[in-house]
Amino acid sequence: MEKLIWLVDDSELFGFVVGKYAEQFPQVCFKHFKSVPEALGALELCNKTEYKLPNMIFLDLHLPIYDGWSFLEATRTNSCWETSSLYVLTNSASPEDIRRAKSYPQVTATQFKDSVKSFFKDL
């Protein structure tokens, strides 16, 4: 069964690396969004149509203009969280960021960016 994985992160390099890693798994369909508005638009389209919702969303907290916090606020009550898992990615070791991220009901877990590969092993 195909697994749809989204990455919301402004880093071209990180998106490229995760995308290349995802190619090793034939059951994974990977999509990289470089901004929060782009990801929110895709999520809204999925909610309004028959397009498949992602199985996993990896969200970077520190994005320019609209950051990961704005994505979390905008999707707090979205029904997609019944079938999708949201993983907050950060390079920050700030306990406040981690505590704040965990306060959002749609957040499955918070992870450091360098551990994103570990999610693919269970697919």
PDB file of N, CA and C in Angstrom:
ATOM      1  N   MET A   1       0.837  -1.185   0.000  1.00  0.00           N
ATOM      2  CA  MET A   1       0.000   0.000   0.000  1.00  0.00           C
ATOM      3  C   MET A   1       0.883   1.250   0.000  1.00  0.00           C
ATOM      4  N   GLU A   2       0.569   2.194  -0.849  1.00  0.00           N
ATOM      5  CA  GLU A   2       1.360   3.407  -0.969  1.00  0.00           C
ATOM      6  C   GLU A   2       1.222   4.289   0.279  1.00  0.00           C
ATOM      7  N   LYS A   3       2.346   4.827   0.707  1.00  0.00           N
ATOM      8  CA  LYS A   3       2.393   5.761   1.832  1.00  0.00           C
ATOM      9  C   LYS A   3       2.736   7.135   1.291  1.00  0.00           C
ATOM     10  N   LEU A   4       1.903   8.099   1.578  1.00  0.00           N
ATOM     11  CA  LEU A   4       2.125   9.463   1.135  1.00  0.00           C
ATOM     12  C   LEU A   4       2.760  10.248   2.278  1.00  0.00           C
ATOM     13  N   ILE A   5       3.951  10.793   2.026  1.00  0.00           N
ATOM     14  CA  ILE A   5       4.686  11.538   3.040  1.00  0.00           C
ATOM     15  C   ILE A   5       4.955  12.941   2.534  1.00  0.00           C
ATOM     16  N   TRP A   6       4.594  13.919   3.355  1.00  0.00           N
ATOM     17  CA  TRP A   6       4.836  15.315   3.038  1.00  0.00           C
ATOM     18  C   TRP A   6       5.912  15.867   3.952  1.00  0.00           C
ATOM     19  N   LEU A   7       6.730  16.728   3.417  1.00  0.00           N
ATOM     20  CA  LEU A   7       7.711  17.484   4.191  1.00  0.00           C
ATOM     21  C   LEU A   7       7.417  18.964   3.978  1.00  0.00           C
ATOM     22  N   VAL A   8       7.256  19.708   5.073  1.00  0.00           N
ATOM     23  CA  VAL A   8       7.076  21.157   5.010  1.00  0.00           C
ATOM     24  C   VAL A   8       8.337  21.769   5.594  1.00  0.00           C
ATOM     25  N   ASP A   9       9.204  22.242   4.716  1.00  0.00           N
ATOM     26  CA  ASP A   9      10.509  22.751   5.125  1.00  0.00           C
ATOM     27  C   ASP A   9      11.060  23.624   4.005  1.00  0.00           C
ATOM     28  N   ASP A  10      11.584  24.783   4.340  1.00  0.00           N
ATOM     29  CA  ASP A  10      12.080  25.700   3.322  1.00  0.00           C
ATOM     30  C   ASP A  10      13.459  25.331   2.783  1.00  0.00           C
ATOM     31  N   SER A  11      14.116  24.374   3.397  1.00  0.00           N
ATOM     32  CA  SER A  11      15.468  24.012   2.978  1.00  0.00           C
ATOM     33  C   SER A  11      15.450  23.100   1.748  1.00  0.00           C
ATOM     34  N   GLU A  12      15.980  23.623   0.648  1.00  0.00           N
ATOM     35  CA  GLU A  12      16.094  22.809  -0.572  1.00  0.00           C
ATOM     36  C   GLU A  12      16.973  21.590  -0.324  1.00  0.00           C
ATOM     37  N   LEU A  13      18.071  21.795   0.392  1.00  0.00           N
ATOM     38  CA  LEU A  13      19.007  20.707   0.641  1.00  0.00           C
ATOM     39  C   LEU A  13      18.364  19.604   1.483  1.00  0.00           C
ATOM     40  N   PHE A  14      17.699  19.969   2.563  1.00  0.00           N
ATOM     41  CA  PHE A  14      17.066  18.961   3.407  1.00  0.00           C
ATOM     42  C   PHE A  14      15.959  18.233   2.634  1.00  0.00           C
ATOM     43  N   GLY A  15      15.184  18.978   1.856  1.00  0.00           N
ATOM     44  CA  GLY A  15      14.144  18.356   1.036  1.00  0.00           C
ATOM     45  C   GLY A  15      14.725  17.386   0.024  1.00  0.00           C
ATOM     46  N   PHE A  16      15.846  17.760  -0.576  1.00  0.00           N
ATOM     47  CA  PHE A  16      16.518  16.889  -1.538  1.00  0.00           C
ATOM     48  C   PHE A  16      17.004  15.612  -0.857  1.00  0.00           C
ATOM     49  N   VAL A  17      17.636  15.754   0.305  1.00  0.00           N
ATOM     50  CA  VAL A  17      18.179  14.592   1.019  1.00  0.00           C
ATOM     51  C   VAL A  17      17.055  13.639   1.435  1.00  0.00           C
ATOM     52  N   VAL A  18      15.995  14.176   2.012  1.00  0.00           N
ATOM     53  CA  VAL A  18      14.882  13.324   2.436  1.00  0.00           C
ATOM     54  C   VAL A  18      14.213  12.691   1.219  1.00  0.00           C
ATOM     55  N   GLY A  19      14.065  13.451   0.148  1.00  0.00           N
ATOM     56  CA  GLY A  19      13.478  12.905  -1.079  1.00  0.00           C
ATOM     57  C   GLY A  19      14.296  11.766  -1.656  1.00  0.00           C
ATOM     58  N   LYS A  20      15.623  11.935  -1.679  1.00  0.00           N
ATOM     59  CA  LYS A  20      16.496  10.860  -2.166  1.00  0.00           C
ATOM     60  C   LYS A  20      16.393   9.623  -1.278  1.00  0.00           C
ATOM     61  N   TYR A  21      16.327   9.848   0.016  1.00  0.00           N
ATOM     62  CA  TYR A  21      16.183   8.720   0.937  1.00  0.00           C
ATOM     63  C   TYR A  21      14.838   8.021   0.704  1.00  0.00           C
ATOM     64  N   ALA A  22      13.785   8.784   0.502  1.00  0.00           N
ATOM     65  CA  ALA A  22      12.446   8.209   0.286  1.00  0.00           C
ATOM     66  C   ALA A  22      12.395   7.354  -0.978  1.00  0.00           C
ATOM     67  N   GLU A  23      13.225   7.694  -1.979  1.00  0.00           N
ATOM     68  CA  GLU A  23      13.245   6.919  -3.226  1.00  0.00           C
ATOM     69  C   GLU A  23      13.651   5.466  -2.999  1.00  0.00           C
ATOM     70  N   GLN A  24      14.300   5.174  -1.898  1.00  0.00           N
ATOM     71  CA  GLN A  24      14.707   3.793  -1.598  1.00  0.00           C
ATOM     72  C   GLN A  24      13.524   2.914  -1.213  1.00  0.00           C
ATOM     73  N   PHE A  25      12.378   3.525  -0.984  1.00  0.00           N
ATOM     74  CA  PHE A  25      11.194   2.795  -0.544  1.00  0.00           C
ATOM     75  C   PHE A  25      10.123   2.911  -1.621  1.00  0.00           C
ATOM     76  N   PRO A  26       9.909   1.846  -2.396  1.00  0.00           N
ATOM     77  CA  PRO A  26       8.978   1.924  -3.522  1.00  0.00           C
ATOM     78  C   PRO A  26       7.538   2.230  -3.111  1.00  0.00           C
ATOM     79  N   GLN A  27       7.195   1.961  -1.869  1.00  0.00           N
ATOM     80  CA  GLN A  27       5.829   2.208  -1.424  1.00  0.00           C
ATOM     81  C   GLN A  27       5.601   3.648  -0.965  1.00  0.00           C
ATOM     82  N   VAL A  28       6.645   4.488  -1.014  1.00  0.00           N
ATOM     83  CA  VAL A  28       6.555   5.867  -0.530  1.00  0.00           C
ATOM     84  C   VAL A  28       6.413   6.839  -1.691  1.00  0.00           C
ATOM     85  N   CYS A  29       5.435   7.718  -1.576  1.00  0.00           N
ATOM     86  CA  CYS A  29       5.274   8.845  -2.481  1.00  0.00           C
ATOM     87  C   CYS A  29       5.586  10.091  -1.652  1.00  0.00           C
ATOM     88  N   PHE A  30       6.624  10.815  -2.029  1.00  0.00           N
ATOM     89  CA  PHE A  30       7.137  11.928  -1.238  1.00  0.00           C
ATOM     90  C   PHE A  30       6.839  13.257  -1.912  1.00  0.00           C
ATOM     91  N   LYS A  31       6.382  14.237  -1.127  1.00  0.00           N
ATOM     92  CA  LYS A  31       6.113  15.585  -1.637  1.00  0.00           C
ATOM     93  C   LYS A  31       6.743  16.597  -0.692  1.00  0.00           C
ATOM     94  N   HIS A  32       7.520  17.522  -1.254  1.00  0.00           N
ATOM     95  CA  HIS A  32       8.198  18.560  -0.470  1.00  0.00           C
ATOM     96  C   HIS A  32       7.509  19.903  -0.707  1.00  0.00           C
ATOM     97  N   PHE A  33       6.998  20.495   0.360  1.00  0.00           N
ATOM     98  CA  PHE A  33       6.422  21.835   0.318  1.00  0.00           C
ATOM     99  C   PHE A  33       7.414  22.789   0.963  1.00  0.00           C
ATOM    100  N   LYS A  34       7.697  23.900   0.296  1.00  0.00           N
ATOM    101  CA  LYS A  34       8.708  24.829   0.800  1.00  0.00           C
ATOM    102  C   LYS A  34       8.121  25.964   1.622  1.00  0.00           C
ATOM    103  N   SER A  35       6.800  25.982   1.768  1.00  0.00           N
ATOM    104  CA  SER A  35       6.162  27.030   2.562  1.00  0.00           C
ATOM    105  C   SER A  35       4.883  26.504   3.214  1.00  0.00           C
ATOM    106  N   VAL A  36       4.497  27.166   4.275  1.00  0.00           N
ATOM    107  CA  VAL A  36       3.265  26.800   4.970  1.00  0.00           C
ATOM    108  C   VAL A  36       2.035  27.037   4.092  1.00  0.00           C
ATOM    109  N   PRO A  37       1.906  28.192   3.419  1.00  0.00           N
ATOM    110  CA  PRO A  37       0.718  28.375   2.564  1.00  0.00           C
ATOM    111  C   PRO A  37       0.579  27.299   1.488  1.00  0.00           C
ATOM    112  N   GLU A  38       1.698  26.867   0.912  1.00  0.00           N
ATOM    113  CA  GLU A  38       1.661  25.815  -0.110  1.00  0.00           C
ATOM    114  C   GLU A  38       1.123  24.508   0.490  1.00  0.00           C
ATOM    115  N   ALA A  39       1.596  24.142   1.669  1.00  0.00           N
ATOM    116  CA  ALA A  39       1.144  22.901   2.326  1.00  0.00           C
ATOM    117  C   ALA A  39      -0.309  23.011   2.771  1.00  0.00           C
ATOM    118  N   LEU A  40      -0.694  24.172   3.300  1.00  0.00           N
ATOM    119  CA  LEU A  40      -2.089  24.357   3.721  1.00  0.00           C
ATOM    120  C   LEU A  40      -3.036  24.275   2.533  1.00  0.00           C
ATOM    121  N   GLY A  41      -2.621  24.825   1.396  1.00  0.00           N
ATOM    122  CA  GLY A  41      -3.440  24.740   0.187  1.00  0.00           C
ATOM    123  C   GLY A  41      -3.630  23.304  -0.265  1.00  0.00           C
ATOM    124  N   ALA A  42      -2.569  22.519  -0.217  1.00  0.00           N
ATOM    125  CA  ALA A  42      -2.663  21.108  -0.604  1.00  0.00           C
ATOM    126  C   ALA A  42      -3.545  20.334   0.377  1.00  0.00           C
ATOM    127  N   LEU A  43      -3.418  20.634   1.644  1.00  0.00           N
ATOM    128  CA  LEU A  43      -4.229  19.956   2.654  1.00  0.00           C
ATOM    129  C   LEU A  43      -5.709  20.294   2.480  1.00  0.00           C
ATOM    130  N   GLU A  44      -5.984  21.560   2.186  1.00  0.00           N
ATOM    131  CA  GLU A  44      -7.366  21.979   1.941  1.00  0.00           C
ATOM    132  C   GLU A  44      -7.935  21.282   0.710  1.00  0.00           C
ATOM    133  N   LEU A  45      -7.131  21.162  -0.330  1.00  0.00           N
ATOM    134  CA  LEU A  45      -7.563  20.463  -1.544  1.00  0.00           C
ATOM    135  C   LEU A  45      -7.897  19.001  -1.230  1.00  0.00           C
ATOM    136  N   CYS A  46      -7.059  18.355  -0.440  1.00  0.00           N
ATOM    137  CA  CYS A  46      -7.314  16.963  -0.061  1.00  0.00           C
ATOM    138  C   CYS A  46      -8.612  16.834   0.729  1.00  0.00           C
ATOM    139  N   ASN A  47      -8.873  17.785   1.606  1.00  0.00           N
ATOM    140  CA  ASN A  47     -10.091  17.741   2.420  1.00  0.00           C
ATOM    141  C   ASN A  47     -11.350  17.956   1.598  1.00  0.00           C
ATOM    142  N   LYS A  48     -11.229  18.710   0.505  1.00  0.00           N
ATOM    143  CA  LYS A  48     -12.403  19.049  -0.306  1.00  0.00           C
ATOM    144  C   LYS A  48     -12.628  18.099  -1.471  1.00  0.00           C
ATOM    145  N   THR A  49     -11.674  17.241  -1.756  1.00  0.00           N
ATOM    146  CA  THR A  49     -11.772  16.364  -2.927  1.00  0.00           C
ATOM    147  C   THR A  49     -11.468  14.920  -2.510  1.00  0.00           C
ATOM    148  N   GLU A  50     -11.305  14.102  -3.502  1.00  0.00           N
ATOM    149  CA  GLU A  50     -10.992  12.700  -3.269  1.00  0.00           C
ATOM    150  C   GLU A  50      -9.490  12.431  -3.195  1.00  0.00           C
ATOM    151  N   TYR A  51      -8.673  13.485  -3.263  1.00  0.00           N
ATOM    152  CA  TYR A  51      -7.228  13.288  -3.163  1.00  0.00           C
ATOM    153  C   TYR A  51      -6.878  12.663  -1.824  1.00  0.00           C
ATOM    154  N   LYS A  52      -5.906  11.797  -1.849  1.00  0.00           N
ATOM    155  CA  LYS A  52      -5.486  11.075  -0.649  1.00  0.00           C
ATOM    156  C   LYS A  52      -4.759  12.007   0.326  1.00  0.00           C
ATOM    157  N   LEU A  53      -5.146  11.928   1.576  1.00  0.00           N
ATOM    158  CA  LEU A  53      -4.447  12.669   2.620  1.00  0.00           C
ATOM    159  C   LEU A  53      -3.108  12.004   2.894  1.00  0.00           C
ATOM    160  N   PRO A  54      -2.138  12.769   3.332  1.00  0.00           N
ATOM    161  CA  PRO A  54      -0.836  12.163   3.632  1.00  0.00           C
ATOM    162  C   PRO A  54      -0.917  11.248   4.842  1.00  0.00           C
ATOM    163  N   ASN A  55      -0.100  10.203   4.839  1.00  0.00           N
ATOM    164  CA  ASN A  55       0.010   9.341   6.014  1.00  0.00           C
ATOM    165  C   ASN A  55       0.831  10.030   7.093  1.00  0.00           C
ATOM    166  N   MET A  56       1.869  10.761   6.639  1.00  0.00           N
ATOM    167  CA  MET A  56       2.757  11.464   7.567  1.00  0.00           C
ATOM    168  C   MET A  56       3.073  12.840   7.020  1.00  0.00           C
ATOM    169  N   ILE A  57       3.147  13.795   7.933  1.00  0.00           N
ATOM    170  CA  ILE A  57       3.628  15.126   7.595  1.00  0.00           C
ATOM    171  C   ILE A  57       4.783  15.430   8.534  1.00  0.00           C
ATOM    172  N   PHE A  58       5.918  15.815   7.950  1.00  0.00           N
ATOM    173  CA  PHE A  58       7.067  16.290   8.722  1.00  0.00           C
ATOM    174  C   PHE A  58       7.082  17.806   8.585  1.00  0.00           C
ATOM    175  N   LEU A  59       7.029  18.500   9.702  1.00  0.00           N
ATOM    176  CA  LEU A  59       6.909  19.956   9.715  1.00  0.00           C
ATOM    177  C   LEU A  59       8.088  20.591  10.425  1.00  0.00           C
ATOM    178  N   ASP A  60       8.798  21.457   9.708  1.00  0.00           N
ATOM    179  CA  ASP A  60       9.861  22.248  10.325  1.00  0.00           C
ATOM    180  C   ASP A  60       9.208  23.425  11.045  1.00  0.00           C
ATOM    181  N   LEU A  61       9.635  23.698  12.251  1.00  0.00           N
ATOM    182  CA  LEU A  61       9.082  24.819  13.006  1.00  0.00           C
ATOM    183  C   LEU A  61       9.602  26.163  12.526  1.00  0.00           C
ATOM    184  N   HIS A  62      10.820  26.196  12.063  1.00  0.00           N
ATOM    185  CA  HIS A  62      11.475  27.467  11.777  1.00  0.00           C
ATOM    186  C   HIS A  62      11.536  27.733  10.280  1.00  0.00           C
ATOM    187  N   LEU A  63      10.446  28.318   9.782  1.00  0.00           N
ATOM    188  CA  LEU A  63      10.309  28.686   8.382  1.00  0.00           C
ATOM    189  C   LEU A  63      10.166  30.200   8.296  1.00  0.00           C
ATOM    190  N   PRO A  64      10.567  30.806   7.178  1.00  0.00           N
ATOM    191  CA  PRO A  64      10.391  32.251   7.040  1.00  0.00           C
ATOM    192  C   PRO A  64       8.920  32.613   6.791  1.00  0.00           C
ATOM    193  N   ILE A  65       8.556  33.794   7.131  1.00  0.00           N
ATOM    194  CA  ILE A  65       7.226  34.390   6.957  1.00  0.00           C
ATOM    195  C   ILE A  65       6.174  33.630   7.761  1.00  0.00           C
ATOM    196  N   TYR A  66       5.672  32.518   7.250  1.00  0.00           N
ATOM    197  CA  TYR A  66       4.744  31.671   7.996  1.00  0.00           C
ATOM    198  C   TYR A  66       5.541  30.504   8.547  1.00  0.00           C
ATOM    199  N   ASP A  67       5.666  30.439   9.844  1.00  0.00           N
ATOM    200  CA  ASP A  67       6.473  29.375  10.446  1.00  0.00           C
ATOM    201  C   ASP A  67       5.616  28.146  10.752  1.00  0.00           C
ATOM    202  N   GLY A  68       6.265  27.132  11.285  1.00  0.00           N
ATOM    203  CA  GLY A  68       5.561  25.903  11.626  1.00  0.00           C
ATOM    204  C   GLY A  68       4.453  26.108  12.647  1.00  0.00           C
ATOM    205  N   TRP A  69       4.641  27.097  13.514  1.00  0.00           N
ATOM    206  CA  TRP A  69       3.596  27.382  14.515  1.00  0.00           C
ATOM    207  C   TRP A  69       2.309  27.827  13.830  1.00  0.00           C
ATOM    208  N   SER A  70       2.415  28.595  12.759  1.00  0.00           N
ATOM    209  CA  SER A  70       1.207  29.033  12.055  1.00  0.00           C
ATOM    210  C   SER A  70       0.509  27.846  11.387  1.00  0.00           C
ATOM    211  N   PHE A  71       1.284  26.865  10.897  1.00  0.00           N
ATOM    212  CA  PHE A  71       0.687  25.644  10.352  1.00  0.00           C
ATOM    213  C   PHE A  71      -0.063  24.893  11.449  1.00  0.00           C
ATOM    214  N   LEU A  72       0.558  24.780  12.610  1.00  0.00           N
ATOM    215  CA  LEU A  72      -0.089  24.078  13.730  1.00  0.00           C
ATOM    216  C   LEU A  72      -1.384  24.764  14.136  1.00  0.00           C
ATOM    217  N   GLU A  73      -1.373  26.084  14.200  1.00  0.00           N
ATOM    218  CA  GLU A  73      -2.590  26.824  14.553  1.00  0.00           C
ATOM    219  C   GLU A  73      -3.677  26.623  13.510  1.00  0.00           C
ATOM    220  N   ALA A  74      -3.307  26.716  12.244  1.00  0.00           N
ATOM    221  CA  ALA A  74      -4.285  26.617  11.160  1.00  0.00           C
ATOM    222  C   ALA A  74      -4.897  25.226  11.036  1.00  0.00           C
ATOM    223  N   THR A  75      -4.192  24.210  11.502  1.00  0.00           N
ATOM    224  CA  THR A  75      -4.680  22.826  11.328  1.00  0.00           C
ATOM    225  C   THR A  75      -5.127  22.177  12.637  1.00  0.00           C
ATOM    226  N   ARG A  76      -5.225  22.952  13.687  1.00  0.00           N
ATOM    227  CA  ARG A  76      -5.546  22.402  15.012  1.00  0.00           C
ATOM    228  C   ARG A  76      -6.788  21.521  14.990  1.00  0.00           C
ATOM    229  N   THR A  77      -7.821  21.921  14.277  1.00  0.00           N
ATOM    230  CA  THR A  77      -9.083  21.170  14.285  1.00  0.00           C
ATOM    231  C   THR A  77      -9.361  20.460  12.960  1.00  0.00           C
ATOM    232  N   ASN A  78      -8.351  20.300  12.138  1.00  0.00           N
ATOM    233  CA  ASN A  78      -8.536  19.658  10.842  1.00  0.00           C
ATOM    234  C   ASN A  78      -8.838  18.170  11.029  1.00  0.00           C
ATOM    235  N   SER A  79      -9.799  17.675  10.285  1.00  0.00           N
ATOM    236  CA  SER A  79     -10.200  16.270  10.424  1.00  0.00           C
ATOM    237  C   SER A  79      -9.164  15.298   9.860  1.00  0.00           C
ATOM    238  N   CYS A  80      -8.165  15.792   9.142  1.00  0.00           N
ATOM    239  CA  CYS A  80      -7.167  14.889   8.558  1.00  0.00           C
ATOM    240  C   CYS A  80      -6.371  14.151   9.630  1.00  0.00           C
ATOM    241  N   TRP A  81      -6.334  14.661  10.845  1.00  0.00           N
ATOM    242  CA  TRP A  81      -5.503  14.048  11.888  1.00  0.00           C
ATOM    243  C   TRP A  81      -6.066  12.707  12.355  1.00  0.00           C
ATOM    244  N   GLU A  82      -7.249  12.354  11.873  1.00  0.00           N
ATOM    245  CA  GLU A  82      -7.780  11.024  12.160  1.00  0.00           C
ATOM    246  C   GLU A  82      -7.000   9.955  11.391  1.00  0.00           C
ATOM    247  N   THR A  83      -6.408  10.344  10.264  1.00  0.00           N
ATOM    248  CA  THR A  83      -5.679   9.377   9.428  1.00  0.00           C
ATOM    249  C   THR A  83      -4.227   9.763   9.171  1.00  0.00           C
ATOM    250  N   SER A  84      -3.828  10.956   9.527  1.00  0.00           N
ATOM    251  CA  SER A  84      -2.477  11.438   9.266  1.00  0.00           C
ATOM    252  C   SER A  84      -1.718  11.653  10.572  1.00  0.00           C
ATOM    253  N   SER A  85      -0.424  11.427  10.525  1.00  0.00           N
ATOM    254  CA  SER A  85       0.446  11.678  11.676  1.00  0.00           C
ATOM    255  C   SER A  85       1.309  12.898  11.371  1.00  0.00           C
ATOM    256  N   LEU A  86       1.477  13.751  12.365  1.00  0.00           N
ATOM    257  CA  LEU A  86       2.267  14.967  12.205  1.00  0.00           C
ATOM    258  C   LEU A  86       3.478  14.919  13.119  1.00  0.00           C
ATOM    259  N   TYR A  87       4.643  15.021  12.514  1.00  0.00           N
ATOM    260  CA  TYR A  87       5.896  15.016  13.256  1.00  0.00           C
ATOM    261  C   TYR A  87       6.553  16.380  13.112  1.00  0.00           C
ATOM    262  N   VAL A  88       6.766  17.041  14.219  1.00  0.00           N
ATOM    263  CA  VAL A  88       7.427  18.339  14.228  1.00  0.00           C
ATOM    264  C   VAL A  88       8.931  18.103  14.224  1.00  0.00           C
ATOM    265  N   LEU A  89       9.609  18.737  13.262  1.00  0.00           N
ATOM    266  CA  LEU A  89      11.056  18.615  13.141  1.00  0.00           C
ATOM    267  C   LEU A  89      11.707  19.925  13.576  1.00  0.00           C
ATOM    268  N   THR A  90      12.799  19.795  14.283  1.00  0.00           N
ATOM    269  CA  THR A  90      13.505  20.983  14.729  1.00  0.00           C
ATOM    270  C   THR A  90      14.989  20.705  14.877  1.00  0.00           C
ATOM    271  N   ASN A  91      15.760  21.747  14.767  1.00  0.00           N
ATOM    272  CA  ASN A  91      17.176  21.691  15.109  1.00  0.00           C
ATOM    273  C   ASN A  91      17.397  22.312  16.479  1.00  0.00           C
ATOM    274  N   SER A  92      16.343  22.856  17.024  1.00  0.00           N
ATOM    275  CA  SER A  92      16.430  23.550  18.302  1.00  0.00           C
ATOM    276  C   SER A  92      16.376  22.563  19.461  1.00  0.00           C
ATOM    277  N   ALA A  93      17.231  22.787  20.422  1.00  0.00           N
ATOM    278  CA  ALA A  93      17.192  21.965  21.636  1.00  0.00           C
ATOM    279  C   ALA A  93      16.386  22.678  22.718  1.00  0.00           C
ATOM    280  N   SER A  94      15.627  23.676  22.318  1.00  0.00           N
ATOM    281  CA  SER A  94      14.850  24.460  23.266  1.00  0.00           C
ATOM    282  C   SER A  94      13.735  23.625  23.892  1.00  0.00           C
ATOM    283  N   PRO A  95      13.782  23.423  25.205  1.00  0.00           N
ATOM    284  CA  PRO A  95      12.698  22.693  25.864  1.00  0.00           C
ATOM    285  C   PRO A  95      11.354  23.393  25.687  1.00  0.00           C
ATOM    286  N   GLU A  96      11.377  24.711  25.563  1.00  0.00           N
ATOM    287  CA  GLU A  96      10.134  25.465  25.362  1.00  0.00           C
ATOM    288  C   GLU A  96       9.501  25.127  24.016  1.00  0.00           C
ATOM    289  N   ASP A  97      10.306  25.032  22.945  1.00  0.00           N
ATOM    290  CA  ASP A  97       9.773  24.647  21.634  1.00  0.00           C
ATOM    291  C   ASP A  97       9.150  23.258  21.692  1.00  0.00           C
ATOM    292  N   ILE A  98       9.819  22.339  22.319  1.00  0.00           N
ATOM    293  CA  ILE A  98       9.330  20.958  22.409  1.00  0.00           C
ATOM    294  C   ILE A  98       8.051  20.896  23.238  1.00  0.00           C
ATOM    295  N   ARG A  99       8.027  21.580  24.357  1.00  0.00           N
ATOM    296  CA  ARG A  99       6.822  21.613  25.201  1.00  0.00           C
ATOM    297  C   ARG A  99       5.659  22.240  24.440  1.00  0.00           C
ATOM    298  N   ARG A 100       5.933  23.349  23.783  1.00  0.00           N
ATOM    299  CA  ARG A 100       4.875  24.041  23.040  1.00  0.00           C
ATOM    300  C   ARG A 100       4.343  23.166  21.905  1.00  0.00           C
ATOM    301  N   ALA A 101       5.226  22.514  21.161  1.00  0.00           N
ATOM    302  CA  ALA A 101       4.791  21.644  20.062  1.00  0.00           C
ATOM    303  C   ALA A 101       3.919  20.499  20.571  1.00  0.00           C
ATOM    304  N   LYS A 102       4.305  19.918  21.691  1.00  0.00           N
ATOM    305  CA  LYS A 102       3.530  18.800  22.250  1.00  0.00           C
ATOM    306  C   LYS A 102       2.164  19.235  22.762  1.00  0.00           C
ATOM    307  N   SER A 103       1.962  20.536  22.943  1.00  0.00           N
ATOM    308  CA  SER A 103       0.665  21.022  23.428  1.00  0.00           C
ATOM    309  C   SER A 103      -0.400  21.019  22.333  1.00  0.00           C
ATOM    310  N   TYR A 104       0.005  20.852  21.093  1.00  0.00           N
ATOM    311  CA  TYR A 104      -0.952  20.788  19.985  1.00  0.00           C
ATOM    312  C   TYR A 104      -1.446  19.348  19.850  1.00  0.00           C
ATOM    313  N   PRO A 105      -2.756  19.157  19.843  1.00  0.00           N
ATOM    314  CA  PRO A 105      -3.294  17.786  19.828  1.00  0.00           C
ATOM    315  C   PRO A 105      -2.950  16.990  18.575  1.00  0.00           C
ATOM    316  N   GLN A 106      -2.677  17.664  17.459  1.00  0.00           N
ATOM    317  CA  GLN A 106      -2.397  16.952  16.216  1.00  0.00           C
ATOM    318  C   GLN A 106      -0.949  16.480  16.107  1.00  0.00           C
ATOM    319  N   VAL A 107      -0.088  16.902  17.031  1.00  0.00           N
ATOM    320  CA  VAL A 107       1.324  16.521  16.962  1.00  0.00           C
ATOM    321  C   VAL A 107       1.526  15.117  17.515  1.00  0.00           C
ATOM    322  N   THR A 108       2.032  14.225  16.676  1.00  0.00           N
ATOM    323  CA  THR A 108       2.320  12.855  17.082  1.00  0.00           C
ATOM    324  C   THR A 108       3.585  12.810  17.916  1.00  0.00           C
ATOM    325  N   ALA A 109       4.622  13.531  17.449  1.00  0.00           N
ATOM    326  CA  ALA A 109       5.902  13.548  18.165  1.00  0.00           C
ATOM    327  C   ALA A 109       6.737  14.714  17.660  1.00  0.00           C
ATOM    328  N   THR A 110       7.736  15.071  18.446  1.00  0.00           N
ATOM    329  CA  THR A 110       8.744  16.043  18.009  1.00  0.00           C
ATOM    330  C   THR A 110      10.060  15.302  17.857  1.00  0.00           C
ATOM    331  N   GLN A 111      10.793  15.655  16.799  1.00  0.00           N
ATOM    332  CA  GLN A 111      12.040  14.973  16.504  1.00  0.00           C
ATOM    333  C   GLN A 111      13.073  15.980  16.011  1.00  0.00           C
ATOM    334  N   PHE A 112      14.331  15.661  16.232  1.00  0.00           N
ATOM    335  CA  PHE A 112      15.388  16.441  15.616  1.00  0.00           C
ATOM    336  C   PHE A 112      15.446  16.076  14.137  1.00  0.00           C
ATOM    337  N   LYS A 113      15.778  17.037  13.312  1.00  0.00           N
ATOM    338  CA  LYS A 113      15.804  16.814  11.862  1.00  0.00           C
ATOM    339  C   LYS A 113      16.682  15.645  11.449  1.00  0.00           C
ATOM    340  N   ASP A 114      17.781  15.450  12.130  1.00  0.00           N
ATOM    341  CA  ASP A 114      18.697  14.379  11.715  1.00  0.00           C
ATOM    342  C   ASP A 114      18.153  12.973  11.981  1.00  0.00           C
ATOM    343  N   SER A 115      17.007  12.860  12.654  1.00  0.00           N
ATOM    344  CA  SER A 115      16.430  11.541  12.922  1.00  0.00           C
ATOM    345  C   SER A 115      15.272  11.181  11.996  1.00  0.00           C
ATOM    346  N   VAL A 116      15.001  12.012  10.987  1.00  0.00           N
ATOM    347  CA  VAL A 116      13.851  11.774  10.121  1.00  0.00           C
ATOM    348  C   VAL A 116      13.941  10.437   9.396  1.00  0.00           C
ATOM    349  N   LYS A 117      15.128   9.970   9.083  1.00  0.00           N
ATOM    350  CA  LYS A 117      15.279   8.681   8.387  1.00  0.00           C
ATOM    351  C   LYS A 117      14.703   7.518   9.178  1.00  0.00           C
ATOM    352  N   SER A 118      14.704   7.629  10.489  1.00  0.00           N
ATOM    353  CA  SER A 118      14.216   6.513  11.327  1.00  0.00           C
ATOM    354  C   SER A 118      12.728   6.237  11.094  1.00  0.00           C
ATOM    355  N   PHE A 119      11.981   7.194  10.609  1.00  0.00           N
ATOM    356  CA  PHE A 119      10.546   6.980  10.371  1.00  0.00           C
ATOM    357  C   PHE A 119      10.295   6.071   9.181  1.00  0.00           C
ATOM    358  N   PHE A 120      11.223   6.014   8.272  1.00  0.00           N
ATOM    359  CA  PHE A 120      11.054   5.215   7.062  1.00  0.00           C
ATOM    360  C   PHE A 120      11.240   3.722   7.319  1.00  0.00           C
ATOM    361  N   LYS A 121      11.934   3.354   8.359  1.00  0.00           N
ATOM    362  CA  LYS A 121      12.239   1.942   8.575  1.00  0.00           C
ATOM    363  C   LYS A 121      11.012   1.087   8.864  1.00  0.00           C
ATOM    364  N   ASP A 122       9.935   1.707   9.360  1.00  0.00           N
ATOM    365  CA  ASP A 122       8.724   0.954   9.702  1.00  0.00           C
ATOM    366  C   ASP A 122       7.681   0.954   8.601  1.00  0.00           C
ATOM    367  N   LEU A 123       8.019   1.503   7.444  1.00  0.00           N
ATOM    368  CA  LEU A 123       7.027   1.582   6.365  1.00  0.00           C
ATOM    369  C   LEU A 123       6.844   0.265   5.652  1.00  0.00           C
TER     370      LEU A 123
END
